[in-house]
Amino acid sequence: MSTVFNASGGVVSLPATPTNTLNFAIKASLGQGSIMRNLGNFYSSWDATPGVVQQQFSIAGSASLVLPSGVAGLIVVSNGGILTLNLTKTTGTTESPVVANYSVYMEQLYLTDDSLSGVTIVNPTAGVVVTGFLAYIPYVFAG
């Protein structure tokens, strides 16, 4: 927590500024013929002060990579190989958690600002190795 003085001499407390952040910015547009329509700019930022995991991966055909924790913010980039992301989102309380499982199919890029309690990256194509990069902030559902 930081403190500064305002014009009348009072003390104003400011929230702590993250030492490190994981950020993304996307400009989305929709094209039809030669006409482009701007859908908007999307930004997200996560406090990565406790740590952020950045790693390259190589997943053999019909194999998977299980992240050791949940994630708060996830970016996955592949070399263009097809991947299936099996994602788990847990809400509610630790006494009565509500768990939702869903899958996302990607070829090159996936990112989310959702807090996920589990992530498994699967290479569904036998005989093809998919390489890539991922970044995420470890997160554990505490309900």
C-alpha atoms as a PDB file:
ATOM      1  CA  MET A   1       0.000   0.000   0.000  1.00  0.00           C
ATOM      2  CA  SER A   2       1.331   3.438  -0.927  1.00  0.00           C
ATOM      3  CA  THR A   3       0.445   6.760   0.672  1.00  0.00           C
ATOM      4  CA  VAL A   4       0.505  10.257  -0.781  1.00  0.00           C
ATOM      5  CA  PHE A   5      -0.711  13.649   0.442  1.00  0.00           C
ATOM      6  CA  ASN A   6      -3.576  15.423  -1.269  1.00  0.00           C
ATOM      7  CA  ALA A   7      -3.927  19.193  -1.792  1.00  0.00           C
ATOM      8  CA  SER A   8      -5.583  19.755   1.602  1.00  0.00           C
ATOM      9  CA  GLY A   9      -2.816  17.940   3.456  1.00  0.00           C
ATOM     10  CA  GLY A  10      -4.735  14.712   4.052  1.00  0.00           C
ATOM     11  CA  VAL A  11      -3.255  11.286   3.510  1.00  0.00           C
ATOM     12  CA  VAL A  12      -4.557   9.246   0.602  1.00  0.00           C
ATOM     13  CA  SER A  13      -3.838   5.512   0.448  1.00  0.00           C
ATOM     14  CA  LEU A  14      -3.350   3.953  -2.960  1.00  0.00           C
ATOM     15  CA  PRO A  15      -3.617   0.252  -3.771  1.00  0.00           C
ATOM     16  CA  ALA A  16      -0.348  -1.584  -4.131  1.00  0.00           C
ATOM     17  CA  THR A  17       1.076  -1.481  -7.641  1.00  0.00           C
ATOM     18  CA  PRO A  18       1.941  -4.915  -9.034  1.00  0.00           C
ATOM     19  CA  THR A  19       5.654  -5.489  -9.499  1.00  0.00           C
ATOM     20  CA  ASN A  20       5.022  -7.696 -12.520  1.00  0.00           C
ATOM     21  CA  THR A  21       2.006  -8.077 -14.781  1.00  0.00           C
ATOM     22  CA  LEU A  22       0.833 -10.369 -17.534  1.00  0.00           C
ATOM     23  CA  ASN A  23      -0.951  -8.316 -20.172  1.00  0.00           C
ATOM     24  CA  PHE A  24      -2.608  -8.695 -23.515  1.00  0.00           C
ATOM     25  CA  ALA A  25      -4.233  -6.316 -25.978  1.00  0.00           C
ATOM     26  CA  ILE A  26      -6.326  -7.359 -28.965  1.00  0.00           C
ATOM     27  CA  LYS A  27      -7.836  -5.320 -31.760  1.00  0.00           C
ATOM     28  CA  ALA A  28     -10.758  -7.198 -33.271  1.00  0.00           C
ATOM     29  CA  SER A  29     -12.229  -6.493 -36.676  1.00  0.00           C
ATOM     30  CA  LEU A  30     -14.685  -8.148 -39.031  1.00  0.00           C
ATOM     31  CA  GLY A  31     -13.974  -8.146 -42.761  1.00  0.00           C
ATOM     32  CA  GLN A  32     -16.411  -8.593 -45.621  1.00  0.00           C
ATOM     33  CA  GLY A  33     -14.953  -8.014 -49.043  1.00  0.00           C
ATOM     34  CA  SER A  34     -12.912  -4.840 -48.832  1.00  0.00           C
ATOM     35  CA  ILE A  35     -14.952  -3.429 -45.940  1.00  0.00           C
ATOM     36  CA  MET A  36     -13.474  -3.740 -42.444  1.00  0.00           C
ATOM     37  CA  ARG A  37     -15.576  -3.104 -39.370  1.00  0.00           C
ATOM     38  CA  ASN A  38     -13.862  -2.448 -36.048  1.00  0.00           C
ATOM     39  CA  LEU A  39     -15.348  -4.569 -33.265  1.00  0.00           C
ATOM     40  CA  GLY A  40     -13.272  -2.985 -30.518  1.00  0.00           C
ATOM     41  CA  ASN A  41     -10.087  -3.133 -28.523  1.00  0.00           C
ATOM     42  CA  PHE A  42      -9.781  -5.580 -25.659  1.00  0.00           C
ATOM     43  CA  TYR A  43      -7.216  -5.308 -22.876  1.00  0.00           C
ATOM     44  CA  SER A  44      -6.554  -7.427 -19.830  1.00  0.00           C
ATOM     45  CA  SER A  45      -3.918  -7.335 -17.128  1.00  0.00           C
ATOM     46  CA  TRP A  46      -3.155  -9.661 -14.231  1.00  0.00           C
ATOM     47  CA  ASP A  47      -0.992  -9.123 -11.177  1.00  0.00           C
ATOM     48  CA  ALA A  48       1.950 -11.456 -11.745  1.00  0.00           C
ATOM     49  CA  THR A  49       3.908 -10.361  -8.677  1.00  0.00           C
ATOM     50  CA  PRO A  50       3.554 -13.791  -6.979  1.00  0.00           C
ATOM     51  CA  GLY A  51       5.003 -15.377 -10.115  1.00  0.00           C
ATOM     52  CA  VAL A  52       4.206 -16.232 -13.685  1.00  0.00           C
ATOM     53  CA  VAL A  53       5.007 -19.431 -15.546  1.00  0.00           C
ATOM     54  CA  GLN A  54       6.424 -19.099 -19.048  1.00  0.00           C
ATOM     55  CA  GLN A  55       7.423 -22.241 -20.860  1.00  0.00           C
ATOM     56  CA  GLN A  56       7.859 -23.790 -24.251  1.00  0.00           C
ATOM     57  CA  PHE A  57       6.175 -27.119 -24.847  1.00  0.00           C
ATOM     58  CA  SER A  58       6.372 -30.034 -27.227  1.00  0.00           C
ATOM     59  CA  ILE A  59       3.483 -32.506 -27.163  1.00  0.00           C
ATOM     60  CA  ALA A  60       3.755 -35.780 -29.045  1.00  0.00           C
ATOM     61  CA  GLY A  61       0.815 -37.125 -31.017  1.00  0.00           C
ATOM     62  CA  SER A  62      -2.054 -38.413 -28.839  1.00  0.00           C
ATOM     63  CA  ALA A  63      -0.298 -37.113 -25.694  1.00  0.00           C
ATOM     64  CA  SER A  64      -1.207 -34.361 -23.251  1.00  0.00           C
ATOM     65  CA  LEU A  65       0.309 -31.744 -20.971  1.00  0.00           C
ATOM     66  CA  VAL A  66      -1.381 -31.157 -17.608  1.00  0.00           C
ATOM     67  CA  LEU A  67      -0.630 -27.847 -15.911  1.00  0.00           C
ATOM     68  CA  PRO A  68       0.278 -28.388 -12.232  1.00  0.00           C
ATOM     69  CA  SER A  69      -2.189 -25.763 -10.994  1.00  0.00           C
ATOM     70  CA  GLY A  70      -5.139 -23.751 -12.126  1.00  0.00           C
ATOM     71  CA  VAL A  71      -4.564 -20.484 -13.931  1.00  0.00           C
ATOM     72  CA  ALA A  72      -5.588 -16.869 -13.607  1.00  0.00           C
ATOM     73  CA  GLY A  73      -5.044 -15.726 -17.151  1.00  0.00           C
ATOM     74  CA  LEU A  74      -3.729 -18.091 -19.796  1.00  0.00           C
ATOM     75  CA  ILE A  75      -2.018 -17.589 -23.157  1.00  0.00           C
ATOM     76  CA  VAL A  76      -1.286 -20.604 -25.382  1.00  0.00           C
ATOM     77  CA  VAL A  77       0.442 -20.247 -28.756  1.00  0.00           C
ATOM     78  CA  SER A  78       1.139 -23.239 -31.015  1.00  0.00           C
ATOM     79  CA  ASN A  79       3.098 -23.698 -34.236  1.00  0.00           C
ATOM     80  CA  GLY A  80      -0.182 -24.125 -36.060  1.00  0.00           C
ATOM     81  CA  GLY A  81      -0.764 -27.686 -34.925  1.00  0.00           C
ATOM     82  CA  ILE A  82      -4.231 -28.599 -33.684  1.00  0.00           C
ATOM     83  CA  LEU A  83      -4.676 -28.736 -29.904  1.00  0.00           C
ATOM     84  CA  THR A  84      -7.605 -29.428 -27.616  1.00  0.00           C
ATOM     85  CA  LEU A  85      -7.723 -27.538 -24.326  1.00  0.00           C
ATOM     86  CA  ASN A  86      -9.706 -29.295 -21.618  1.00  0.00           C
ATOM     87  CA  LEU A  87     -10.594 -26.581 -19.112  1.00  0.00           C
ATOM     88  CA  THR A  88     -12.173 -26.769 -15.667  1.00  0.00           C
ATOM     89  CA  LYS A  89     -13.797 -23.824 -13.917  1.00  0.00           C
ATOM     90  CA  THR A  90     -14.712 -24.142 -10.254  1.00  0.00           C
ATOM     91  CA  THR A  91     -16.998 -21.655  -8.510  1.00  0.00           C
ATOM     92  CA  GLY A  92     -18.994 -21.635  -5.288  1.00  0.00           C
ATOM     93  CA  THR A  93     -17.424 -22.614  -1.989  1.00  0.00           C
ATOM     94  CA  THR A  94     -14.963 -25.322  -1.002  1.00  0.00           C
ATOM     95  CA  GLU A  95     -17.812 -27.001   0.905  1.00  0.00           C
ATOM     96  CA  SER A  96     -20.095 -27.100  -2.148  1.00  0.00           C
ATOM     97  CA  PRO A  97     -18.064 -26.353  -5.275  1.00  0.00           C
ATOM     98  CA  VAL A  98     -19.668 -26.059  -8.695  1.00  0.00           C
ATOM     99  CA  VAL A  99     -17.411 -27.534 -11.376  1.00  0.00           C
ATOM    100  CA  ALA A 100     -17.859 -26.868 -15.100  1.00  0.00           C
ATOM    101  CA  ASN A 101     -15.776 -28.709 -17.701  1.00  0.00           C
ATOM    102  CA  TYR A 102     -15.450 -27.565 -21.281  1.00  0.00           C
ATOM    103  CA  SER A 103     -13.152 -28.021 -24.256  1.00  0.00           C
ATOM    104  CA  VAL A 104     -11.690 -25.488 -26.661  1.00  0.00           C
ATOM    105  CA  TYR A 105     -10.177 -26.428 -30.026  1.00  0.00           C
ATOM    106  CA  MET A 106      -7.309 -24.248 -31.233  1.00  0.00           C
ATOM    107  CA  GLU A 107      -4.859 -24.142 -34.119  1.00  0.00           C
ATOM    108  CA  GLN A 108      -2.637 -21.217 -33.260  1.00  0.00           C
ATOM    109  CA  LEU A 109      -3.669 -18.973 -30.363  1.00  0.00           C
ATOM    110  CA  TYR A 110      -5.899 -19.146 -27.301  1.00  0.00           C
ATOM    111  CA  LEU A 111      -6.106 -16.724 -24.426  1.00  0.00           C
ATOM    112  CA  THR A 112      -8.522 -16.214 -21.578  1.00  0.00           C
ATOM    113  CA  ASP A 113      -8.900 -13.878 -18.640  1.00  0.00           C
ATOM    114  CA  ASP A 114     -11.038 -16.445 -16.808  1.00  0.00           C
ATOM    115  CA  SER A 115      -9.800 -18.093 -13.602  1.00  0.00           C
ATOM    116  CA  LEU A 116      -9.575 -21.807 -14.314  1.00  0.00           C
ATOM    117  CA  SER A 117      -9.070 -24.525 -11.715  1.00  0.00           C
ATOM    118  CA  GLY A 118      -7.582 -27.024 -14.172  1.00  0.00           C
ATOM    119  CA  VAL A 119      -6.018 -27.036 -17.656  1.00  0.00           C
ATOM    120  CA  THR A 120      -4.978 -29.988 -19.815  1.00  0.00           C
ATOM    121  CA  ILE A 121      -3.519 -29.394 -23.285  1.00  0.00           C
ATOM    122  CA  VAL A 122      -4.065 -32.364 -25.614  1.00  0.00           C
ATOM    123  CA  ASN A 123      -2.524 -33.099 -29.006  1.00  0.00           C
ATOM    124  CA  PRO A 124      -5.229 -35.241 -30.657  1.00  0.00           C
ATOM    125  CA  THR A 125      -3.306 -35.964 -33.867  1.00  0.00           C
ATOM    126  CA  ALA A 126      -1.343 -39.219 -33.847  1.00  0.00           C
ATOM    127  CA  GLY A 127       2.123 -39.007 -35.370  1.00  0.00           C
ATOM    128  CA  VAL A 128       2.286 -35.196 -35.277  1.00  0.00           C
ATOM    129  CA  VAL A 129       4.306 -33.252 -32.695  1.00  0.00           C
ATOM    130  CA  VAL A 130       2.905 -29.853 -31.746  1.00  0.00           C
ATOM    131  CA  THR A 131       5.243 -27.277 -30.242  1.00  0.00           C
ATOM    132  CA  GLY A 132       4.429 -23.915 -28.726  1.00  0.00           C
ATOM    133  CA  PHE A 133       4.624 -21.483 -25.857  1.00  0.00           C
ATOM    134  CA  LEU A 134       2.395 -20.789 -22.886  1.00  0.00           C
ATOM    135  CA  ALA A 135       2.238 -18.216 -20.114  1.00  0.00           C
ATOM    136  CA  TYR A 136      -0.015 -18.258 -17.087  1.00  0.00           C
ATOM    137  CA  ILE A 137      -0.298 -17.132 -13.495  1.00  0.00           C
ATOM    138  CA  PRO A 138      -0.738 -20.103 -11.132  1.00  0.00           C
ATOM    139  CA  TYR A 139      -4.086 -20.054  -9.341  1.00  0.00           C
ATOM    140  CA  VAL A 140      -5.686 -22.382  -6.826  1.00  0.00           C
ATOM    141  CA  PHE A 141      -9.440 -22.275  -6.185  1.00  0.00           C
ATOM    142  CA  ALA A 142      -9.924 -21.305  -2.551  1.00  0.00           C
ATOM    143  CA  GLY A 143     -13.691 -20.712  -2.544  1.00  0.00           C
END
